[in-house]
């Protein structure tokens, strides 16, 4: 994945901004054989569309996540879904962060979530606060130097 050209990363981020979703929520769930419900984080990134070759390209290019048909009501055009969860979602968020625009806040929530869990705090990730697009571009340029 590190061998991706910057244009491919930007394309993937644009594709995700237009066709993707992020699930960053905390839900009550009951684990198998458990008596009580507990709150668990659900973190996932998904791209769904009717254009199967694009989803196949995304899956092959990234080399992680899953690709499956998506259930649709009878009579609708078939859809395909690429999805990654948890640490793969973190890897994906790191990849698209410099290029994403419409989903920037949610992407940064994923980055912050895992940065908060890092006891050594060696990796710096952006804050999940909404920032100006030009300010973000300056941060990216500064980090690349």
C-alpha atoms as a PDB file:
ATOM      1  CA  UNK A   1       0.000   0.000   0.000  1.00  0.00           C
ATOM      2  CA  UNK A   2       2.937   2.361   0.625  1.00  0.00           C
ATOM      3  CA  UNK A   3       3.790   2.077  -3.063  1.00  0.00           C
ATOM      4  CA  UNK A   4       0.618   3.878  -4.116  1.00  0.00           C
ATOM      5  CA  UNK A   5       1.175   7.015  -6.148  1.00  0.00           C
ATOM      6  CA  UNK A   6      -0.084  10.259  -4.632  1.00  0.00           C
ATOM      7  CA  UNK A   7      -2.632  10.486  -7.457  1.00  0.00           C
ATOM      8  CA  UNK A   8      -4.012   7.047  -6.540  1.00  0.00           C
ATOM      9  CA  UNK A   9      -4.311   8.053  -2.881  1.00  0.00           C
ATOM     10  CA  UNK A  10      -6.082  11.269  -3.891  1.00  0.00           C
ATOM     11  CA  UNK A  11      -8.420   9.336  -6.209  1.00  0.00           C
ATOM     12  CA  UNK A  12      -9.276   6.869  -3.444  1.00  0.00           C
ATOM     13  CA  UNK A  13      -9.970   9.749  -1.041  1.00  0.00           C
ATOM     14  CA  UNK A  14     -12.221  11.437  -3.623  1.00  0.00           C
ATOM     15  CA  UNK A  15     -14.031   8.172  -4.292  1.00  0.00           C
ATOM     16  CA  UNK A  16     -14.522   7.713  -0.554  1.00  0.00           C
ATOM     17  CA  UNK A  17     -15.701  11.314  -0.080  1.00  0.00           C
ATOM     18  CA  UNK A  18     -18.374  10.744  -2.720  1.00  0.00           C
ATOM     19  CA  UNK A  19     -19.418   7.120  -2.242  1.00  0.00           C
ATOM     20  CA  UNK A  20     -18.133   6.156   1.199  1.00  0.00           C
ATOM     21  CA  UNK A  21     -19.380   6.103   4.758  1.00  0.00           C
ATOM     22  CA  UNK A  22     -17.717   5.965   8.156  1.00  0.00           C
ATOM     23  CA  UNK A  23     -19.295   4.259  11.141  1.00  0.00           C
ATOM     24  CA  UNK A  24     -17.686   5.603  14.309  1.00  0.00           C
ATOM     25  CA  UNK A  25     -20.142   4.808  17.075  1.00  0.00           C
ATOM     26  CA  UNK A  26     -20.325   3.166  20.454  1.00  0.00           C
ATOM     27  CA  UNK A  27     -23.042   0.520  20.756  1.00  0.00           C
ATOM     28  CA  UNK A  28     -24.435  -1.802  23.355  1.00  0.00           C
ATOM     29  CA  UNK A  29     -23.709  -5.394  22.389  1.00  0.00           C
ATOM     30  CA  UNK A  30     -23.894  -8.762  24.010  1.00  0.00           C
ATOM     31  CA  UNK A  31     -20.951 -11.039  23.366  1.00  0.00           C
ATOM     32  CA  UNK A  32     -21.584 -14.701  22.732  1.00  0.00           C
ATOM     33  CA  UNK A  33     -22.170 -16.605  26.001  1.00  0.00           C
ATOM     34  CA  UNK A  34     -22.247 -13.338  27.979  1.00  0.00           C
ATOM     35  CA  UNK A  35     -25.081 -12.440  30.335  1.00  0.00           C
ATOM     36  CA  UNK A  36     -24.629  -8.679  30.234  1.00  0.00           C
ATOM     37  CA  UNK A  37     -24.433  -6.128  27.461  1.00  0.00           C
ATOM     38  CA  UNK A  38     -21.347  -3.951  27.134  1.00  0.00           C
ATOM     39  CA  UNK A  39     -20.545  -0.846  25.135  1.00  0.00           C
ATOM     40  CA  UNK A  40     -18.226  -1.522  22.205  1.00  0.00           C
ATOM     41  CA  UNK A  41     -16.770   0.774  19.570  1.00  0.00           C
ATOM     42  CA  UNK A  42     -17.814   0.077  15.985  1.00  0.00           C
ATOM     43  CA  UNK A  43     -15.301   1.618  13.577  1.00  0.00           C
ATOM     44  CA  UNK A  44     -15.595   0.935   9.859  1.00  0.00           C
ATOM     45  CA  UNK A  45     -15.090   2.550   6.452  1.00  0.00           C
ATOM     46  CA  UNK A  46     -17.286   1.463   3.549  1.00  0.00           C
ATOM     47  CA  UNK A  47     -17.578   2.248  -0.155  1.00  0.00           C
ATOM     48  CA  UNK A  48     -20.728   1.014  -1.920  1.00  0.00           C
ATOM     49  CA  UNK A  49     -21.677   1.368  -5.565  1.00  0.00           C
ATOM     50  CA  UNK A  50     -23.119  -0.429  -8.581  1.00  0.00           C
ATOM     51  CA  UNK A  51     -19.828  -0.287 -10.524  1.00  0.00           C
ATOM     52  CA  UNK A  52     -18.217  -3.606  -9.582  1.00  0.00           C
ATOM     53  CA  UNK A  53     -14.891  -3.012 -11.421  1.00  0.00           C
ATOM     54  CA  UNK A  54     -14.251   0.128  -9.338  1.00  0.00           C
ATOM     55  CA  UNK A  55     -14.843  -1.765  -6.073  1.00  0.00           C
ATOM     56  CA  UNK A  56     -12.613  -4.613  -7.301  1.00  0.00           C
ATOM     57  CA  UNK A  57      -9.876  -2.109  -8.191  1.00  0.00           C
ATOM     58  CA  UNK A  58     -10.157  -0.485  -4.744  1.00  0.00           C
ATOM     59  CA  UNK A  59      -9.940  -3.845  -2.982  1.00  0.00           C
ATOM     60  CA  UNK A  60      -6.978  -5.047  -5.061  1.00  0.00           C
ATOM     61  CA  UNK A  61      -5.147  -1.721  -4.828  1.00  0.00           C
ATOM     62  CA  UNK A  62      -5.451  -1.405  -1.052  1.00  0.00           C
ATOM     63  CA  UNK A  63      -4.854  -5.094  -0.326  1.00  0.00           C
ATOM     64  CA  UNK A  64      -7.080  -5.169   2.761  1.00  0.00           C
ATOM     65  CA  UNK A  65     -10.740  -5.046   3.675  1.00  0.00           C
ATOM     66  CA  UNK A  66     -13.501  -7.180   2.209  1.00  0.00           C
ATOM     67  CA  UNK A  67     -15.484  -6.969  -1.007  1.00  0.00           C
ATOM     68  CA  UNK A  68     -18.976  -8.412  -1.121  1.00  0.00           C
ATOM     69  CA  UNK A  69     -22.295  -7.933  -2.861  1.00  0.00           C
ATOM     70  CA  UNK A  70     -24.597  -5.610  -0.944  1.00  0.00           C
ATOM     71  CA  UNK A  71     -28.197  -6.600  -0.255  1.00  0.00           C
ATOM     72  CA  UNK A  72     -30.589  -4.423  -2.220  1.00  0.00           C
ATOM     73  CA  UNK A  73     -34.378  -4.504  -2.611  1.00  0.00           C
ATOM     74  CA  UNK A  74     -35.739  -6.631  -5.435  1.00  0.00           C
ATOM     75  CA  UNK A  75     -35.749  -4.828  -8.760  1.00  0.00           C
ATOM     76  CA  UNK A  76     -32.802  -2.552  -7.911  1.00  0.00           C
ATOM     77  CA  UNK A  77     -29.458  -2.691  -9.672  1.00  0.00           C
ATOM     78  CA  UNK A  78     -26.904  -4.948  -7.910  1.00  0.00           C
ATOM     79  CA  UNK A  79     -24.480  -3.142  -5.619  1.00  0.00           C
ATOM     80  CA  UNK A  80     -21.018  -3.998  -4.350  1.00  0.00           C
ATOM     81  CA  UNK A  81     -19.391  -3.010  -1.088  1.00  0.00           C
ATOM     82  CA  UNK A  82     -15.793  -2.708   0.049  1.00  0.00           C
ATOM     83  CA  UNK A  83     -15.417  -2.463   3.812  1.00  0.00           C
ATOM     84  CA  UNK A  84     -12.622  -2.316   6.367  1.00  0.00           C
ATOM     85  CA  UNK A  85     -12.961  -2.301  10.150  1.00  0.00           C
ATOM     86  CA  UNK A  86     -11.001  -1.360  13.275  1.00  0.00           C
ATOM     87  CA  UNK A  87      -7.196  -1.292  12.675  1.00  0.00           C
ATOM     88  CA  UNK A  88      -7.691  -1.595   8.921  1.00  0.00           C
ATOM     89  CA  UNK A  89      -9.961   1.454   9.144  1.00  0.00           C
ATOM     90  CA  UNK A  90      -7.104   3.244  10.917  1.00  0.00           C
ATOM     91  CA  UNK A  91      -4.709   2.277   8.118  1.00  0.00           C
ATOM     92  CA  UNK A  92      -7.250   3.532   5.554  1.00  0.00           C
ATOM     93  CA  UNK A  93      -7.811   6.784   7.479  1.00  0.00           C
ATOM     94  CA  UNK A  94      -4.059   7.459   7.528  1.00  0.00           C
ATOM     95  CA  UNK A  95      -3.918   6.874   3.782  1.00  0.00           C
ATOM     96  CA  UNK A  96      -6.732   9.258   2.806  1.00  0.00           C
ATOM     97  CA  UNK A  97      -6.374  11.908   5.540  1.00  0.00           C
ATOM     98  CA  UNK A  98      -4.250  14.378   3.534  1.00  0.00           C
ATOM     99  CA  UNK A  99      -6.715  14.287   0.618  1.00  0.00           C
ATOM    100  CA  UNK A 100     -10.195  13.901   2.085  1.00  0.00           C
ATOM    101  CA  UNK A 101     -12.485  16.887   2.395  1.00  0.00           C
ATOM    102  CA  UNK A 102     -16.135  16.090   3.039  1.00  0.00           C
ATOM    103  CA  UNK A 103     -15.443  13.300   5.537  1.00  0.00           C
ATOM    104  CA  UNK A 104     -12.398  14.902   7.157  1.00  0.00           C
ATOM    105  CA  UNK A 105     -13.971  15.204  10.621  1.00  0.00           C
ATOM    106  CA  UNK A 106     -14.928  11.501  10.769  1.00  0.00           C
ATOM    107  CA  UNK A 107     -11.531  10.399   9.412  1.00  0.00           C
ATOM    108  CA  UNK A 108      -9.830  12.426  12.144  1.00  0.00           C
ATOM    109  CA  UNK A 109     -12.067  10.825  14.776  1.00  0.00           C
ATOM    110  CA  UNK A 110     -10.662   7.433  13.774  1.00  0.00           C
ATOM    111  CA  UNK A 111      -7.083   8.756  13.913  1.00  0.00           C
ATOM    112  CA  UNK A 112      -7.676  10.340  17.332  1.00  0.00           C
ATOM    113  CA  UNK A 113      -9.380   7.213  18.677  1.00  0.00           C
ATOM    114  CA  UNK A 114      -6.307   5.064  18.063  1.00  0.00           C
ATOM    115  CA  UNK A 115      -3.831   7.804  19.047  1.00  0.00           C
ATOM    116  CA  UNK A 116      -5.549   7.977  22.439  1.00  0.00           C
ATOM    117  CA  UNK A 117      -5.023   4.227  22.838  1.00  0.00           C
ATOM    118  CA  UNK A 118      -1.282   4.413  22.049  1.00  0.00           C
ATOM    119  CA  UNK A 119       0.488   4.365  25.453  1.00  0.00           C
ATOM    120  CA  UNK A 120       3.761   5.607  23.990  1.00  0.00           C
ATOM    121  CA  UNK A 121       2.121   8.390  21.941  1.00  0.00           C
ATOM    122  CA  UNK A 122       4.806   7.985  19.284  1.00  0.00           C
ATOM    123  CA  UNK A 123       2.414   8.582  16.416  1.00  0.00           C
ATOM    124  CA  UNK A 124       0.988  12.036  16.015  1.00  0.00           C
ATOM    125  CA  UNK A 125      -2.425  12.277  14.434  1.00  0.00           C
ATOM    126  CA  UNK A 126      -4.536  15.344  13.798  1.00  0.00           C
ATOM    127  CA  UNK A 127      -7.214  16.540  16.135  1.00  0.00           C
ATOM    128  CA  UNK A 128     -10.823  15.670  15.294  1.00  0.00           C
ATOM    129  CA  UNK A 129     -11.758  19.332  15.421  1.00  0.00           C
ATOM    130  CA  UNK A 130     -12.902  20.817  12.147  1.00  0.00           C
ATOM    131  CA  UNK A 131     -10.129  22.896  10.593  1.00  0.00           C
ATOM    132  CA  UNK A 132      -9.849  25.165   7.593  1.00  0.00           C
ATOM    133  CA  UNK A 133      -8.913  23.350   4.358  1.00  0.00           C
ATOM    134  CA  UNK A 134      -5.921  25.664   3.698  1.00  0.00           C
ATOM    135  CA  UNK A 135      -4.730  25.160   7.279  1.00  0.00           C
ATOM    136  CA  UNK A 136      -4.844  21.390   6.763  1.00  0.00           C
ATOM    137  CA  UNK A 137      -2.927  21.623   3.478  1.00  0.00           C
ATOM    138  CA  UNK A 138      -0.217  23.648   5.223  1.00  0.00           C
ATOM    139  CA  UNK A 139       0.028  20.949   7.917  1.00  0.00           C
ATOM    140  CA  UNK A 140       0.491  18.253   5.275  1.00  0.00           C
ATOM    141  CA  UNK A 141       3.156  20.273   3.435  1.00  0.00           C
ATOM    142  CA  UNK A 142       4.983  20.929   6.716  1.00  0.00           C
ATOM    143  CA  UNK A 143       4.926  17.222   7.682  1.00  0.00           C
ATOM    144  CA  UNK A 144       6.350  16.173   4.299  1.00  0.00           C
ATOM    145  CA  UNK A 145       9.430  18.432   4.736  1.00  0.00           C
END
